[in-house]
Amino acid sequence: MLSWLSANIGTVLVVAVLILIVALIVRSMLRDKKAGRSSCGNNCAHCQMAGQCHKARGS
């Protein structure tokens, strides 16, 4: 097992870093969702889905 790990340490480190980055991105997205923020920017005039993703205000 130790010889396999030493032969593949570069791959193991890259995979670990990628998993960490993905976890941080997911964490950030979940925090934004809880806070009510959206990644779309709310500029519906330039969106193909205009009027479909945001509920009409006041109704």
PDB file of N, CA and C in Angstrom:
ATOM      1  N   MET A   1       0.818  -1.186   0.000  1.00  0.00           N
ATOM      2  CA  MET A   1       0.000   0.000   0.000  1.00  0.00           C
ATOM      3  C   MET A   1       0.863   1.252   0.000  1.00  0.00           C
ATOM      4  N   LEU A   2       1.922   1.245   0.778  1.00  0.00           N
ATOM      5  CA  LEU A   2       2.797   2.407   0.868  1.00  0.00           C
ATOM      6  C   LEU A   2       3.525   2.655  -0.449  1.00  0.00           C
ATOM      7  N   SER A   3       3.897   1.588  -1.138  1.00  0.00           N
ATOM      8  CA  SER A   3       4.582   1.774  -2.425  1.00  0.00           C
ATOM      9  C   SER A   3       3.619   2.337  -3.467  1.00  0.00           C
ATOM     10  N   TRP A   4       2.354   1.891  -3.429  1.00  0.00           N
ATOM     11  CA  TRP A   4       1.359   2.438  -4.358  1.00  0.00           C
ATOM     12  C   TRP A   4       1.141   3.917  -4.098  1.00  0.00           C
ATOM     13  N   LEU A   5       1.044   4.283  -2.824  1.00  0.00           N
ATOM     14  CA  LEU A   5       0.824   5.679  -2.452  1.00  0.00           C
ATOM     15  C   LEU A   5       2.002   6.552  -2.878  1.00  0.00           C
ATOM     16  N   SER A   6       3.205   6.096  -2.670  1.00  0.00           N
ATOM     17  CA  SER A   6       4.367   6.887  -3.061  1.00  0.00           C
ATOM     18  C   SER A   6       4.491   6.989  -4.574  1.00  0.00           C
ATOM     19  N   ALA A   7       4.034   5.983  -5.301  1.00  0.00           N
ATOM     20  CA  ALA A   7       4.091   6.028  -6.759  1.00  0.00           C
ATOM     21  C   ALA A   7       3.015   6.945  -7.340  1.00  0.00           C
ATOM     22  N   ASN A   8       1.933   7.172  -6.597  1.00  0.00           N
ATOM     23  CA  ASN A   8       0.810   7.966  -7.107  1.00  0.00           C
ATOM     24  C   ASN A   8       0.523   9.208  -6.271  1.00  0.00           C
ATOM     25  N   ILE A   9       1.502   9.708  -5.555  1.00  0.00           N
ATOM     26  CA  ILE A   9       1.280  10.837  -4.654  1.00  0.00           C
ATOM     27  C   ILE A   9       0.823  12.083  -5.401  1.00  0.00           C
ATOM     28  N   GLY A  10       1.311  12.310  -6.588  1.00  0.00           N
ATOM     29  CA  GLY A  10       0.895  13.474  -7.374  1.00  0.00           C
ATOM     30  C   GLY A  10      -0.577  13.418  -7.719  1.00  0.00           C
ATOM     31  N   THR A  11      -1.034  12.282  -8.162  1.00  0.00           N
ATOM     32  CA  THR A  11      -2.437  12.104  -8.510  1.00  0.00           C
ATOM     33  C   THR A  11      -3.322  12.245  -7.275  1.00  0.00           C
ATOM     34  N   VAL A  12      -2.895  11.674  -6.182  1.00  0.00           N
ATOM     35  CA  VAL A  12      -3.667  11.741  -4.946  1.00  0.00           C
ATOM     36  C   VAL A  12      -3.800  13.194  -4.483  1.00  0.00           C
ATOM     37  N   LEU A  13      -2.728  13.955  -4.557  1.00  0.00           N
ATOM     38  CA  LEU A  13      -2.765  15.358  -4.143  1.00  0.00           C
ATOM     39  C   LEU A  13      -3.669  16.190  -5.049  1.00  0.00           C
ATOM     40  N   VAL A  14      -3.595  15.971  -6.353  1.00  0.00           N
ATOM     41  CA  VAL A  14      -4.442  16.713  -7.292  1.00  0.00           C
ATOM     42  C   VAL A  14      -5.911  16.406  -7.037  1.00  0.00           C
ATOM     43  N   VAL A  15      -6.251  15.152  -6.840  1.00  0.00           N
ATOM     44  CA  VAL A  15      -7.634  14.772  -6.564  1.00  0.00           C
ATOM     45  C   VAL A  15      -8.110  15.385  -5.244  1.00  0.00           C
ATOM     46  N   ALA A  16      -7.270  15.389  -4.240  1.00  0.00           N
ATOM     47  CA  ALA A  16      -7.635  15.975  -2.951  1.00  0.00           C
ATOM     48  C   ALA A  16      -7.898  17.471  -3.086  1.00  0.00           C
ATOM     49  N   VAL A  17      -7.066  18.171  -3.841  1.00  0.00           N
ATOM     50  CA  VAL A  17      -7.257  19.607  -4.046  1.00  0.00           C
ATOM     51  C   VAL A  17      -8.548  19.861  -4.826  1.00  0.00           C
ATOM     52  N   LEU A  18      -8.824  19.073  -5.847  1.00  0.00           N
ATOM     53  CA  LEU A  18     -10.049  19.242  -6.620  1.00  0.00           C
ATOM     54  C   LEU A  18     -11.294  18.986  -5.766  1.00  0.00           C
ATOM     55  N   ILE A  19     -11.252  17.982  -4.926  1.00  0.00           N
ATOM     56  CA  ILE A  19     -12.378  17.699  -4.036  1.00  0.00           C
ATOM     57  C   ILE A  19     -12.590  18.871  -3.079  1.00  0.00           C
ATOM     58  N   LEU A  20     -11.517  19.442  -2.560  1.00  0.00           N
ATOM     59  CA  LEU A  20     -11.615  20.595  -1.666  1.00  0.00           C
ATOM     60  C   LEU A  20     -12.234  21.797  -2.380  1.00  0.00           C
ATOM     61  N   ILE A  21     -11.801  22.067  -3.606  1.00  0.00           N
ATOM     62  CA  ILE A  21     -12.339  23.195  -4.377  1.00  0.00           C
ATOM     63  C   ILE A  21     -13.829  23.004  -4.644  1.00  0.00           C
ATOM     64  N   VAL A  22     -14.234  21.817  -5.051  1.00  0.00           N
ATOM     65  CA  VAL A  22     -15.654  21.550  -5.324  1.00  0.00           C
ATOM     66  C   VAL A  22     -16.470  21.699  -4.040  1.00  0.00           C
ATOM     67  N   ALA A  23     -15.952  21.220  -2.927  1.00  0.00           N
ATOM     68  CA  ALA A  23     -16.666  21.338  -1.656  1.00  0.00           C
ATOM     69  C   ALA A  23     -16.845  22.806  -1.266  1.00  0.00           C
ATOM     70  N   LEU A  24     -15.834  23.623  -1.483  1.00  0.00           N
ATOM     71  CA  LEU A  24     -15.936  25.048  -1.164  1.00  0.00           C
ATOM     72  C   LEU A  24     -16.937  25.755  -2.076  1.00  0.00           C
ATOM     73  N   ILE A  25     -16.981  25.368  -3.337  1.00  0.00           N
ATOM     74  CA  ILE A  25     -17.949  25.954  -4.269  1.00  0.00           C
ATOM     75  C   ILE A  25     -19.365  25.595  -3.858  1.00  0.00           C
ATOM     76  N   VAL A  26     -19.599  24.339  -3.528  1.00  0.00           N
ATOM     77  CA  VAL A  26     -20.934  23.900  -3.106  1.00  0.00           C
ATOM     78  C   VAL A  26     -21.329  24.618  -1.819  1.00  0.00           C
ATOM     79  N   ARG A  27     -20.404  24.744  -0.884  1.00  0.00           N
ATOM     80  CA  ARG A  27     -20.680  25.453   0.366  1.00  0.00           C
ATOM     81  C   ARG A  27     -21.075  26.898   0.096  1.00  0.00           C
ATOM     82  N   SER A  28     -20.358  27.552  -0.797  1.00  0.00           N
ATOM     83  CA  SER A  28     -20.661  28.940  -1.148  1.00  0.00           C
ATOM     84  C   SER A  28     -22.037  29.055  -1.798  1.00  0.00           C
ATOM     85  N   MET A  29     -22.363  28.132  -2.680  1.00  0.00           N
ATOM     86  CA  MET A  29     -23.664  28.152  -3.348  1.00  0.00           C
ATOM     87  C   MET A  29     -24.797  27.938  -2.340  1.00  0.00           C
ATOM     88  N   LEU A  30     -24.612  27.039  -1.388  1.00  0.00           N
ATOM     89  CA  LEU A  30     -25.634  26.795  -0.382  1.00  0.00           C
ATOM     90  C   LEU A  30     -25.830  28.015   0.518  1.00  0.00           C
ATOM     91  N   ARG A  31     -24.740  28.662   0.887  1.00  0.00           N
ATOM     92  CA  ARG A  31     -24.844  29.878   1.699  1.00  0.00           C
ATOM     93  C   ARG A  31     -25.572  30.982   0.939  1.00  0.00           C
ATOM     94  N   ASP A  32     -25.252  31.133  -0.351  1.00  0.00           N
ATOM     95  CA  ASP A  32     -25.930  32.145  -1.164  1.00  0.00           C
ATOM     96  C   ASP A  32     -27.422  31.849  -1.268  1.00  0.00           C
ATOM     97  N   LYS A  33     -27.770  30.591  -1.441  1.00  0.00           N
ATOM     98  CA  LYS A  33     -29.174  30.217  -1.552  1.00  0.00           C
ATOM     99  C   LYS A  33     -29.917  30.507  -0.244  1.00  0.00           C
ATOM    100  N   LYS A  34     -29.295  30.180   0.888  1.00  0.00           N
ATOM    101  CA  LYS A  34     -29.910  30.460   2.185  1.00  0.00           C
ATOM    102  C   LYS A  34     -30.108  31.958   2.393  1.00  0.00           C
ATOM    103  N   ALA A  35     -29.182  32.763   1.882  1.00  0.00           N
ATOM    104  CA  ALA A  35     -29.249  34.213   2.053  1.00  0.00           C
ATOM    105  C   ALA A  35     -30.179  34.865   1.037  1.00  0.00           C
ATOM    106  N   GLY A  36     -30.713  34.093   0.102  1.00  0.00           N
ATOM    107  CA  GLY A  36     -31.644  34.624  -0.887  1.00  0.00           C
ATOM    108  C   GLY A  36     -30.970  35.259  -2.076  1.00  0.00           C
ATOM    109  N   ARG A  37     -29.672  35.064  -2.227  1.00  0.00           N
ATOM    110  CA  ARG A  37     -28.958  35.626  -3.370  1.00  0.00           C
ATOM    111  C   ARG A  37     -29.040  34.670  -4.541  1.00  0.00           C
ATOM    112  N   SER A  38     -28.959  35.234  -5.738  1.00  0.00           N
ATOM    113  CA  SER A  38     -29.057  34.432  -6.954  1.00  0.00           C
ATOM    114  C   SER A  38     -27.832  34.684  -7.818  1.00  0.00           C
ATOM    115  N   SER A  39     -27.435  33.698  -8.582  1.00  0.00           N
ATOM    116  CA  SER A  39     -26.277  33.853  -9.453  1.00  0.00           C
ATOM    117  C   SER A  39     -26.641  34.459 -10.800  1.00  0.00           C
ATOM    118  N   CYS A  40     -27.929  34.635 -11.065  1.00  0.00           N
ATOM    119  CA  CYS A  40     -28.330  35.122 -12.382  1.00  0.00           C
ATOM    120  C   CYS A  40     -28.190  36.633 -12.519  1.00  0.00           C
ATOM    121  N   GLY A  41     -28.177  37.367 -11.439  1.00  0.00           N
ATOM    122  CA  GLY A  41     -28.023  38.806 -11.496  1.00  0.00           C
ATOM    123  C   GLY A  41     -29.336  39.560 -11.644  1.00  0.00           C
ATOM    124  N   ASN A  42     -30.448  38.837 -11.799  1.00  0.00           N
ATOM    125  CA  ASN A  42     -31.783  39.426 -11.890  1.00  0.00           C
ATOM    126  C   ASN A  42     -31.944  40.430 -13.021  1.00  0.00           C
ATOM    127  N   ASN A  43     -31.244  40.257 -14.120  1.00  0.00           N
ATOM    128  CA  ASN A  43     -31.389  41.116 -15.283  1.00  0.00           C
ATOM    129  C   ASN A  43     -32.232  40.371 -16.309  1.00  0.00           C
ATOM    130  N   CYS A  44     -33.527  40.277 -16.047  1.00  0.00           N
ATOM    131  CA  CYS A  44     -34.422  39.451 -16.851  1.00  0.00           C
ATOM    132  C   CYS A  44     -34.604  39.967 -18.271  1.00  0.00           C
ATOM    133  N   ALA A  45     -34.308  41.229 -18.527  1.00  0.00           N
ATOM    134  CA  ALA A  45     -34.487  41.781 -19.871  1.00  0.00           C
ATOM    135  C   ALA A  45     -33.573  41.089 -20.888  1.00  0.00           C
ATOM    136  N   HIS A  46     -32.456  40.548 -20.429  1.00  0.00           N
ATOM    137  CA  HIS A  46     -31.500  39.907 -21.331  1.00  0.00           C
ATOM    138  C   HIS A  46     -31.469  38.389 -21.180  1.00  0.00           C
ATOM    139  N   CYS A  47     -32.490  37.853 -20.562  1.00  0.00           N
ATOM    140  CA  CYS A  47     -32.511  36.422 -20.262  1.00  0.00           C
ATOM    141  C   CYS A  47     -33.525  35.704 -21.142  1.00  0.00           C
ATOM    142  N   GLN A  48     -33.171  34.518 -21.603  1.00  0.00           N
ATOM    143  CA  GLN A  48     -34.095  33.722 -22.407  1.00  0.00           C
ATOM    144  C   GLN A  48     -35.259  33.216 -21.568  1.00  0.00           C
ATOM    145  N   MET A  49     -35.064  33.121 -20.280  1.00  0.00           N
ATOM    146  CA  MET A  49     -36.098  32.636 -19.367  1.00  0.00           C
ATOM    147  C   MET A  49     -36.806  33.790 -18.658  1.00  0.00           C
ATOM    148  N   ALA A  50     -36.836  34.955 -19.267  1.00  0.00           N
ATOM    149  CA  ALA A  50     -37.394  36.158 -18.638  1.00  0.00           C
ATOM    150  C   ALA A  50     -38.813  35.880 -18.142  1.00  0.00           C
ATOM    151  N   GLY A  51     -39.051  36.187 -16.882  1.00  0.00           N
ATOM    152  CA  GLY A  51     -40.373  36.012 -16.292  1.00  0.00           C
ATOM    153  C   GLY A  51     -40.657  34.597 -15.823  1.00  0.00           C
ATOM    154  N   GLN A  52     -39.763  33.662 -16.021  1.00  0.00           N
ATOM    155  CA  GLN A  52     -40.015  32.280 -15.639  1.00  0.00           C
ATOM    156  C   GLN A  52     -39.391  31.906 -14.297  1.00  0.00           C
ATOM    157  N   CYS A  53     -38.294  32.546 -13.941  1.00  0.00           N
ATOM    158  CA  CYS A  53     -37.568  32.088 -12.748  1.00  0.00           C
ATOM    159  C   CYS A  53     -37.887  32.912 -11.510  1.00  0.00           C
ATOM    160  N   HIS A  54     -38.375  34.138 -11.647  1.00  0.00           N
ATOM    161  CA  HIS A  54     -38.681  34.976 -10.486  1.00  0.00           C
ATOM    162  C   HIS A  54     -40.179  35.185 -10.399  1.00  0.00           C
ATOM    163  N   LYS A  55     -40.717  35.021  -9.204  1.00  0.00           N
ATOM    164  CA  LYS A  55     -42.145  35.248  -9.021  1.00  0.00           C
ATOM    165  C   LYS A  55     -42.434  36.739  -9.134  1.00  0.00           C
ATOM    166  N   ALA A  56     -43.576  37.046  -9.683  1.00  0.00           N
ATOM    167  CA  ALA A  56     -43.976  38.452  -9.801  1.00  0.00           C
ATOM    168  C   ALA A  56     -44.138  39.052  -8.413  1.00  0.00           C
ATOM    169  N   ARG A  57     -43.601  40.227  -8.223  1.00  0.00           N
ATOM    170  CA  ARG A  57     -43.692  40.887  -6.925  1.00  0.00           C
ATOM    171  C   ARG A  57     -45.060  41.526  -6.782  1.00  0.00           C
ATOM    172  N   GLY A  58     -45.595  41.425  -5.596  1.00  0.00           N
ATOM    173  CA  GLY A  58     -46.878  42.037  -5.300  1.00  0.00           C
ATOM    174  C   GLY A  58     -48.070  41.151  -5.625  1.00  0.00           C
ATOM    175  N   SER A  59     -47.843  39.927  -6.050  1.00  0.00           N
ATOM    176  CA  SER A  59     -48.997  39.064  -6.326  1.00  0.00           C
ATOM    177  C   SER A  59     -48.988  37.846  -5.445  1.00  0.00           C
TER     178      SER A  59
END
